[in-house]
Amino acid sequence: MKTRIITDSASDLPSELTKKYGIDVLPLSVLLGDEEYEDGETIGPKELYNNMRAGKVYKTSQVAPQAFKEKFEEYAKNNESCIYIGFSSELSGTYQSSTIAKEEILEEYPNFDVTLMDTKCASGGFGLVVLKAAQMAMEGASKEDIVKATEFNARHMEHIFTVDDLEYLFRGGRVSRTAAVIGSLLNIKPILHVEGGRLVPLEKVRGRNKVLKRMMDIIEERGANLSEQTIGITHGDDLEIALKAKELIEERFGCKDFVIRDVGCAVGAHSGPGTLAIFFLNKEK
């Protein structure tokens, strides 16, 4: 029997891929004052980024345990095997919600075959991990093989990204107020990556063109067999910069397969408009 794949909206996968591979996506919540929205369902990136540019400040909330329990119950009733591949537990409480729901559902359906996986990944890198698992599931791979591949891909997924305005990272507690003000005045663009599931500053570069060039250098330093990979690119409502990055990657590394999408609301509420992120597998360590 085919293994079913569940994920959450922080995976930032295009809807055409989630539909094609039958991936169930549970939305994180996006909060604006007293209003609550479902990421990708009742609010989309365009609305979010336009409002952020206008000064509105969003917060986000994890997927609730009840939402997981209801989804798990669908599969448990049909005696189906499933894997929940989740957003980094260092960035959200969503994975913890899934563990609570698993404990509850197993009390009612003790034979339910469900596996939970904390990818320590986010946005398009997380999405690539989920996509590979779903492709394997559709091809009829065993659950054990899907889990092994997912563990490998999550462990070796690189997230290299920059933001256009440090103000949004300040609001999310990623940089100090002083760093945000000085960075804006001097046109400093930080390069960050994900380490141990957390967002970690890597370098500071002055100017958009220089930051793109440095991102390409980092890809070359860290990437493995890049021309054979699917490369993920996500952007904060700036398709032009995403396509520029794609062009540079194609020219330099011969890559042909890309997944390009907006940074979704759950992640974009913290990174802001103008974000550019690139995802790929690194070398064996």
Protein backbone atom coordinates (compact mmCIF):
# COMPACT_ATOMS: atom_id res chain seq x y z
CA MET A 1 0.00 0.00 0.00
CA LYS A 2 1.26 3.49 -0.92
CA THR A 3 2.66 5.54 1.97
CA ARG A 4 0.81 8.83 2.35
CA ILE A 5 2.82 12.05 2.87
CA ILE A 6 1.64 14.86 5.15
CA THR A 7 3.45 18.15 5.62
CA ASP A 8 2.70 21.72 6.69
CA SER A 9 2.52 25.00 4.83
CA ALA A 10 6.03 26.15 5.83
CA SER A 11 7.28 23.76 3.12
CA ASP A 12 6.36 26.41 0.52
CA LEU A 13 5.62 23.88 -2.23
CA PRO A 14 3.71 25.06 -5.31
CA SER A 15 0.10 23.81 -5.25
CA GLU A 16 0.52 22.06 -8.59
CA LEU A 17 3.17 19.80 -7.02
CA THR A 18 1.19 19.06 -3.86
CA LYS A 19 -1.78 18.08 -6.02
CA LYS A 20 0.30 16.05 -8.47
CA TYR A 21 1.88 13.97 -5.72
CA GLY A 22 -1.08 13.85 -3.35
CA ILE A 23 0.69 15.68 -0.52
CA ASP A 24 -1.57 16.71 2.37
CA VAL A 25 -0.63 20.21 3.59
CA LEU A 26 -1.73 21.49 7.00
CA PRO A 27 -1.66 25.32 7.20
CA LEU A 28 0.07 27.29 9.92
CA SER A 29 -1.89 30.28 11.24
CA VAL A 30 -1.05 33.86 10.32
CA LEU A 31 -2.22 36.55 12.76
CA LEU A 32 -2.92 40.23 12.16
CA GLY A 33 -4.30 41.84 15.27
CA ASP A 34 -7.44 39.90 16.20
CA GLU A 35 -7.72 38.36 12.72
CA GLU A 36 -6.48 34.82 12.12
CA TYR A 37 -5.78 33.40 8.66
CA GLU A 38 -4.69 30.04 7.29
CA ASP A 39 -1.40 30.19 5.42
CA GLY A 40 -1.99 29.62 1.72
CA GLU A 41 -5.73 29.13 2.13
CA THR A 42 -7.32 32.31 3.49
CA ILE A 43 -4.26 34.51 2.94
CA GLY A 44 -1.62 34.39 0.24
CA PRO A 45 1.88 35.83 -0.07
CA LYS A 46 0.87 38.77 -2.30
CA GLU A 47 -1.59 40.13 0.27
CA LEU A 48 0.83 39.52 3.12
CA TYR A 49 3.77 41.30 1.48
CA ASN A 50 1.70 44.26 0.30
CA ASN A 51 0.42 44.74 3.84
CA MET A 52 3.92 44.38 5.30
CA ARG A 53 5.18 47.08 2.95
CA ALA A 54 2.36 49.25 4.26
CA GLY A 55 3.61 48.74 7.81
CA LYS A 56 1.36 45.96 9.06
CA VAL A 57 3.01 43.44 11.39
CA TYR A 58 2.03 39.79 11.23
CA LYS A 59 2.62 37.02 13.71
CA THR A 60 2.36 33.29 13.13
CA SER A 61 1.13 30.31 15.09
CA GLN A 62 1.79 26.58 14.84
CA VAL A 63 -0.61 24.01 13.46
CA ALA A 64 -2.81 22.94 16.39
CA PRO A 65 -2.69 19.35 17.70
CA GLN A 66 -6.41 18.96 16.88
CA ALA A 67 -5.74 19.63 13.18
CA PHE A 68 -3.14 16.88 13.16
CA LYS A 69 -5.42 14.51 15.04
CA GLU A 70 -8.22 15.01 12.54
CA LYS A 71 -5.87 14.40 9.62
CA PHE A 72 -4.32 11.33 11.25
CA GLU A 73 -7.79 9.95 11.95
CA GLU A 74 -8.64 10.08 8.24
CA TYR A 75 -5.76 7.72 7.52
CA ALA A 76 -6.18 5.60 10.63
CA LYS A 77 -9.81 4.80 9.73
CA ASN A 78 -8.65 3.54 6.32
CA ASN A 79 -5.71 1.63 7.81
CA GLU A 80 -3.28 3.69 5.70
CA SER A 81 0.39 4.24 6.50
CA CYS A 82 1.59 7.85 6.59
CA ILE A 83 4.62 10.03 7.28
CA TYR A 84 4.38 13.57 8.59
CA ILE A 85 7.43 15.50 7.37
CA GLY A 86 7.61 18.67 9.43
CA PHE A 87 8.92 22.22 9.72
CA SER A 88 12.01 22.62 11.92
CA SER A 89 11.12 22.27 15.59
CA GLU A 90 13.66 25.04 16.28
CA LEU A 91 11.49 27.52 14.37
CA SER A 92 7.95 26.43 15.22
CA GLY A 93 5.96 24.38 17.70
CA THR A 94 4.20 22.60 14.83
CA TYR A 95 6.26 19.41 15.13
CA GLN A 96 5.43 19.27 18.85
CA SER A 97 1.74 19.53 17.94
CA SER A 98 2.14 16.47 15.73
CA THR A 99 3.68 14.45 18.59
CA ILE A 100 0.75 15.33 20.88
CA ALA A 101 -1.72 14.31 18.18
CA LYS A 102 0.12 11.05 17.53
CA GLU A 103 -0.10 10.06 21.20
CA GLU A 104 -3.83 10.79 21.22
CA ILE A 105 -4.64 8.99 17.97
CA LEU A 106 -2.72 5.88 18.99
CA GLU A 107 -4.94 5.57 22.06
CA GLU A 108 -7.92 5.21 19.71
CA TYR A 109 -6.15 3.41 16.85
CA PRO A 110 -3.21 1.52 18.39
CA ASN A 111 -2.28 -0.13 15.08
CA PHE A 112 -2.08 3.11 13.13
CA ASP A 113 1.24 3.27 11.24
CA VAL A 114 2.38 6.90 11.46
CA THR A 115 5.93 8.25 11.44
CA LEU A 116 6.86 11.82 12.42
CA MET A 117 9.98 13.48 11.03
CA ASP A 118 11.51 16.78 12.15
CA THR A 119 13.45 17.97 9.11
CA LYS A 120 15.19 20.92 10.81
CA CYS A 121 14.48 22.60 7.46
CA ALA A 122 12.33 25.51 6.32
CA SER A 123 10.67 27.00 3.24
CA GLY A 124 11.91 25.69 -0.11
CA GLY A 125 14.59 23.45 1.42
CA PHE A 126 11.93 21.79 3.53
CA GLY A 127 9.76 21.61 0.41
CA LEU A 128 12.43 19.77 -1.59
CA VAL A 129 12.72 17.17 1.18
CA VAL A 130 8.95 16.64 1.14
CA LEU A 131 8.81 16.55 -2.67
CA LYS A 132 11.41 13.78 -2.91
CA ALA A 133 9.54 11.72 -0.32
CA ALA A 134 6.26 12.16 -2.20
CA GLN A 135 7.88 11.20 -5.51
CA MET A 136 9.26 8.04 -3.91
CA ALA A 137 5.86 7.24 -2.41
CA MET A 138 4.16 7.61 -5.78
CA GLU A 139 6.74 5.30 -7.34
CA GLY A 140 5.89 2.66 -4.72
CA ALA A 141 9.00 2.86 -2.54
CA SER A 142 8.82 1.20 0.86
CA LYS A 143 8.16 3.36 3.90
CA GLU A 144 11.57 2.41 5.28
CA ASP A 145 13.32 3.64 2.12
CA ILE A 146 11.31 6.87 2.11
CA VAL A 147 12.27 7.55 5.73
CA LYS A 148 15.97 6.88 5.04
CA ALA A 149 16.00 9.16 2.00
CA THR A 150 14.13 11.88 3.89
CA GLU A 151 16.60 11.74 6.76
CA PHE A 152 19.51 12.03 4.30
CA ASN A 153 17.99 14.87 2.29
CA ALA A 154 17.02 16.84 5.40
CA ARG A 155 20.49 16.42 6.90
CA HIS A 156 22.22 17.60 3.72
CA MET A 157 19.84 20.39 2.66
CA GLU A 158 21.45 23.83 2.43
CA HIS A 159 19.45 27.03 2.91
CA ILE A 160 21.28 30.14 1.69
CA PHE A 161 19.23 33.31 1.84
CA THR A 162 19.25 37.06 2.08
CA VAL A 163 16.67 39.69 2.98
CA ASP A 164 16.03 43.07 1.45
CA ASP A 165 15.23 44.88 4.69
CA LEU A 166 16.73 44.01 8.07
CA GLU A 167 13.71 45.58 9.80
CA TYR A 168 11.73 42.36 9.38
CA LEU A 169 14.48 40.25 10.92
CA PHE A 170 14.64 42.72 13.81
CA ARG A 171 10.92 42.28 14.43
CA GLY A 172 11.46 38.53 14.51
CA GLY A 173 14.32 38.85 16.99
CA ARG A 174 17.02 37.79 14.48
CA VAL A 175 19.06 41.02 14.56
CA SER A 176 19.35 43.97 16.95
CA ARG A 177 17.69 47.34 16.37
CA THR A 178 21.16 48.91 15.90
CA ALA A 179 22.14 46.32 13.29
CA ALA A 180 18.87 46.90 11.43
CA VAL A 181 19.29 50.69 11.33
CA ILE A 182 22.97 50.64 10.37
CA GLY A 183 22.39 47.87 7.83
CA SER A 184 19.67 49.89 6.12
CA LEU A 185 21.79 53.07 6.06
CA LEU A 186 24.82 51.27 4.60
CA ASN A 187 22.83 49.02 2.22
CA ILE A 188 24.16 45.93 4.00
CA LYS A 189 22.55 42.67 2.91
CA PRO A 190 23.03 39.77 5.29
CA ILE A 191 23.51 36.22 4.06
CA LEU A 192 22.03 33.67 6.44
CA HIS A 193 21.76 29.89 6.50
CA VAL A 194 20.10 27.20 8.57
CA GLU A 195 22.25 25.40 11.11
CA GLY A 196 20.78 22.84 13.50
CA GLY A 197 17.32 23.93 12.42
CA ARG A 198 17.90 27.59 13.35
CA LEU A 199 18.39 30.69 11.20
CA VAL A 200 22.01 31.77 11.62
CA PRO A 201 23.77 34.85 10.14
CA LEU A 202 26.62 33.83 7.87
CA GLU A 203 28.07 36.95 6.23
CA LYS A 204 27.33 40.60 5.50
CA VAL A 205 27.62 41.95 1.96
CA ARG A 206 27.08 45.47 0.69
CA GLY A 207 24.63 45.76 -2.20
CA ARG A 208 22.20 43.43 -3.98
CA ASN A 209 24.48 42.49 -6.89
CA LYS A 210 27.38 41.60 -4.63
CA VAL A 211 25.17 39.48 -2.41
CA LEU A 212 23.97 37.47 -5.42
CA LYS A 213 27.54 36.84 -6.54
CA ARG A 214 28.55 35.73 -3.05
CA MET A 215 25.55 33.40 -2.84
CA MET A 216 26.72 31.73 -6.06
CA ASP A 217 30.19 31.28 -4.56
CA ILE A 218 28.70 29.64 -1.45
CA ILE A 219 26.65 27.29 -3.63
CA GLU A 220 29.84 26.26 -5.42
CA GLU A 221 31.70 25.79 -2.13
CA ARG A 222 28.98 23.66 -0.54
CA GLY A 223 27.05 21.98 -3.33
CA ALA A 224 27.45 18.42 -4.62
CA ASN A 225 26.62 17.30 -8.17
CA LEU A 226 24.62 20.47 -8.62
CA SER A 227 23.73 19.87 -12.27
CA GLU A 228 21.94 16.66 -11.29
CA GLN A 229 19.88 18.23 -8.50
CA THR A 230 16.54 19.96 -8.25
CA ILE A 231 17.35 23.47 -7.02
CA GLY A 232 14.81 25.32 -4.90
CA ILE A 233 14.39 29.10 -5.08
CA THR A 234 11.90 31.07 -3.02
CA HIS A 235 11.35 34.81 -3.03
CA GLY A 236 9.46 37.46 -1.09
CA ASP A 237 7.26 38.79 -3.90
CA ASP A 238 10.28 39.47 -6.13
CA LEU A 239 10.11 37.05 -9.04
CA GLU A 240 12.64 39.14 -10.98
CA ILE A 241 15.45 38.45 -8.49
CA ALA A 242 14.46 34.77 -8.28
CA LEU A 243 14.69 34.42 -12.08
CA LYS A 244 18.04 36.25 -12.04
CA ALA A 245 19.34 33.75 -9.48
CA LYS A 246 18.02 30.87 -11.63
CA GLU A 247 19.83 32.27 -14.67
CA LEU A 248 23.12 32.57 -12.76
CA ILE A 249 22.79 29.01 -11.40
CA GLU A 250 22.01 27.65 -14.87
CA GLU A 251 25.03 29.40 -16.40
CA ARG A 252 27.48 28.52 -13.67
CA PHE A 253 26.46 25.01 -12.66
CA GLY A 254 24.46 23.64 -15.59
CA CYS A 255 21.35 23.03 -13.46
CA LYS A 256 18.15 22.30 -15.34
CA ASP A 257 15.53 21.40 -12.73
CA PHE A 258 14.13 24.14 -10.48
CA VAL A 259 11.23 24.65 -8.09
CA ILE A 260 10.49 28.38 -7.80
CA ARG A 261 7.81 29.88 -5.55
CA ASP A 262 7.03 32.78 -3.24
CA VAL A 263 8.12 32.41 0.35
CA GLY A 264 4.81 31.47 1.97
CA CYS A 265 3.10 33.48 4.67
CA ALA A 266 4.30 31.40 7.65
CA VAL A 267 7.95 32.11 6.84
CA GLY A 268 7.50 35.38 4.94
CA ALA A 269 5.84 37.06 7.92
CA HIS A 270 9.29 36.98 9.55
CA SER A 271 11.63 37.43 6.55
CA GLY A 272 9.66 40.11 4.70
CA PRO A 273 9.30 41.21 1.08
CA GLY A 274 12.42 41.02 -1.08
CA THR A 275 13.74 37.84 0.52
CA LEU A 276 15.70 35.51 -1.75
CA ALA A 277 16.50 31.94 -0.71
CA ILE A 278 18.30 29.15 -2.57
CA PHE A 279 18.22 25.47 -1.58
CA PHE A 280 20.40 22.54 -2.65
CA LEU A 281 22.08 19.43 -1.29
CA ASN A 282 25.56 19.78 0.12
CA LYS A 283 28.59 17.51 -0.01
CA GLU A 284 28.94 14.44 2.19
CA LYS A 285 30.55 15.38 5.50
